[in-house]
């Protein structure tokens, strides 16, 4: 039985399975590439800065704290870019491939929404499982 025949027979199960596999792939790449301890430190600093900003009456001090928070956000983005770049090409190839397959199924117009919904669930699950920040 070919992959196309299997997808045509069970389109919803296929979308969910593919989203689980792609989410697992992304989580594994993040697990091995991200500096998890540094990301956790940055998140903690951002939380403390947010509470300081809320409790600060002085607008000048709020601006300084906001600038610090922006620096931490930029560092978080810098750390997140490496795994994103590594996974981008394989994901583009996978989406190009599955788009062609799902265009002939009963989910032709809506498979992407099923994919997005199930991918959100699986990515949350795998982030908890791998203890990713």
Protein backbone atom coordinates (compact mmCIF):
# COMPACT_ATOMS: atom_id res chain seq x y z
CA UNK A 1 0.00 0.00 0.00
CA UNK A 2 1.51 3.32 -1.05
CA UNK A 3 1.57 6.45 1.06
CA UNK A 4 -0.85 8.23 -1.26
CA UNK A 5 -3.37 5.40 -1.02
CA UNK A 6 -3.09 5.40 2.76
CA UNK A 7 -3.59 9.17 2.95
CA UNK A 8 -6.59 9.01 0.63
CA UNK A 9 -8.14 6.23 2.74
CA UNK A 10 -7.57 7.97 6.10
CA UNK A 11 -7.04 11.71 5.47
CA UNK A 12 -7.76 13.01 8.98
CA UNK A 13 -5.63 10.39 10.70
CA UNK A 14 -2.87 11.12 8.18
CA UNK A 15 -2.93 14.86 8.90
CA UNK A 16 -2.77 14.22 12.64
CA UNK A 17 0.07 11.70 12.25
CA UNK A 18 2.07 14.02 10.01
CA UNK A 19 1.60 16.94 12.42
CA UNK A 20 2.75 14.73 15.31
CA UNK A 21 5.87 13.67 13.40
CA UNK A 22 6.71 17.21 12.32
CA UNK A 23 6.17 18.52 15.86
CA UNK A 24 8.39 15.76 17.21
CA UNK A 25 11.09 16.63 14.67
CA UNK A 26 11.01 20.31 15.65
CA UNK A 27 11.07 19.49 19.36
CA UNK A 28 14.03 17.14 18.98
CA UNK A 29 15.98 19.78 17.03
CA UNK A 30 15.15 22.36 19.70
CA UNK A 31 16.16 19.94 22.44
CA UNK A 32 19.62 19.43 21.00
CA UNK A 33 20.29 22.94 19.64
CA UNK A 34 18.80 25.37 22.19
CA UNK A 35 20.73 26.49 25.24
CA UNK A 36 17.90 25.60 27.58
CA UNK A 37 19.47 26.96 30.75
CA UNK A 38 20.16 30.35 29.17
CA UNK A 39 16.62 30.49 27.79
CA UNK A 40 15.20 29.79 31.25
CA UNK A 41 17.40 32.50 32.77
CA UNK A 42 16.19 35.01 30.20
CA UNK A 43 12.54 34.09 30.85
CA UNK A 44 13.02 34.57 34.59
CA UNK A 45 14.65 37.96 34.04
CA UNK A 46 11.80 38.99 31.77
CA UNK A 47 9.22 37.98 34.39
CA UNK A 48 10.98 39.98 37.08
CA UNK A 49 11.31 42.98 34.76
CA UNK A 50 7.59 42.80 33.94
CA UNK A 51 6.66 42.91 37.60
CA UNK A 52 9.08 45.82 38.18
CA UNK A 53 7.58 47.72 35.26
CA UNK A 54 4.06 47.25 36.64
CA UNK A 55 5.08 48.51 40.09
CA UNK A 56 7.22 51.43 38.88
CA UNK A 57 5.63 54.88 39.16
CA UNK A 58 8.51 56.71 37.44
CA UNK A 59 8.11 56.74 33.65
CA UNK A 60 11.86 57.21 33.05
CA UNK A 61 12.62 54.09 35.07
CA UNK A 62 9.87 52.24 33.20
CA UNK A 63 11.57 53.10 29.90
CA UNK A 64 14.92 51.78 31.17
CA UNK A 65 13.31 48.54 32.33
CA UNK A 66 11.46 48.23 29.02
CA UNK A 67 14.75 48.63 27.15
CA UNK A 68 16.31 45.88 29.27
CA UNK A 69 13.36 43.67 28.51
CA UNK A 70 13.75 44.38 24.81
CA UNK A 71 17.41 43.30 24.99
CA UNK A 72 16.37 40.03 26.60
CA UNK A 73 13.72 39.51 23.92
CA UNK A 74 16.32 40.04 21.21
CA UNK A 75 18.61 37.48 22.85
CA UNK A 76 15.73 34.99 23.02
CA UNK A 77 15.07 35.54 19.33
CA UNK A 78 18.74 35.05 18.53
CA UNK A 79 18.79 31.71 20.33
CA UNK A 80 15.56 30.61 18.63
CA UNK A 81 16.77 31.41 15.11
CA UNK A 82 19.29 28.57 14.85
CA UNK A 83 16.74 25.74 15.32
CA UNK A 84 14.30 27.60 13.07
CA UNK A 85 16.85 27.80 10.27
CA UNK A 86 17.72 24.11 10.65
CA UNK A 87 14.09 23.00 10.41
CA UNK A 88 12.93 25.43 7.72
CA UNK A 89 14.09 23.59 4.57
CA UNK A 90 12.82 20.14 5.63
CA UNK A 91 9.46 21.66 6.63
CA UNK A 92 9.08 23.46 3.31
CA UNK A 93 9.75 20.21 1.47
CA UNK A 94 7.28 18.31 3.67
CA UNK A 95 4.55 20.92 3.18
CA UNK A 96 5.08 20.98 -0.57
CA UNK A 97 4.80 17.19 -0.61
CA UNK A 98 1.72 16.85 1.62
CA UNK A 99 -0.11 19.73 -0.06
CA UNK A 100 -0.04 17.79 -3.31
CA UNK A 101 -1.29 14.65 -1.61
CA UNK A 102 -4.09 16.28 0.41
CA UNK A 103 -5.44 18.22 -2.58
CA UNK A 104 -7.00 14.98 -3.81
CA UNK A 105 -8.61 13.95 -0.50
CA UNK A 106 -11.88 14.87 1.15
CA UNK A 107 -9.93 17.38 3.29
CA UNK A 108 -8.67 19.31 0.24
CA UNK A 109 -9.72 22.74 1.45
CA UNK A 110 -9.35 22.29 5.19
CA UNK A 111 -6.41 19.97 5.88
CA UNK A 112 -4.19 22.88 6.87
CA UNK A 113 -6.56 23.81 9.72
CA UNK A 114 -6.55 20.27 11.05
CA UNK A 115 -2.77 20.30 10.76
CA UNK A 116 -2.42 23.59 12.66
CA UNK A 117 -4.77 22.49 15.44
CA UNK A 118 -3.13 19.14 15.98
CA UNK A 119 0.37 20.61 15.63
CA UNK A 120 -0.37 23.08 18.42
CA UNK A 121 -1.46 20.26 20.70
CA UNK A 122 1.51 18.06 19.85
CA UNK A 123 4.05 20.87 20.12
CA UNK A 124 2.77 21.73 23.61
CA UNK A 125 2.91 18.06 24.56
CA UNK A 126 6.45 17.58 23.23
CA UNK A 127 7.70 20.83 24.81
CA UNK A 128 6.48 19.53 28.18
CA UNK A 129 7.89 16.06 27.51
CA UNK A 130 11.34 17.39 26.54
CA UNK A 131 11.19 20.13 29.22
CA UNK A 132 11.88 22.86 26.69
CA UNK A 133 11.68 26.51 27.81
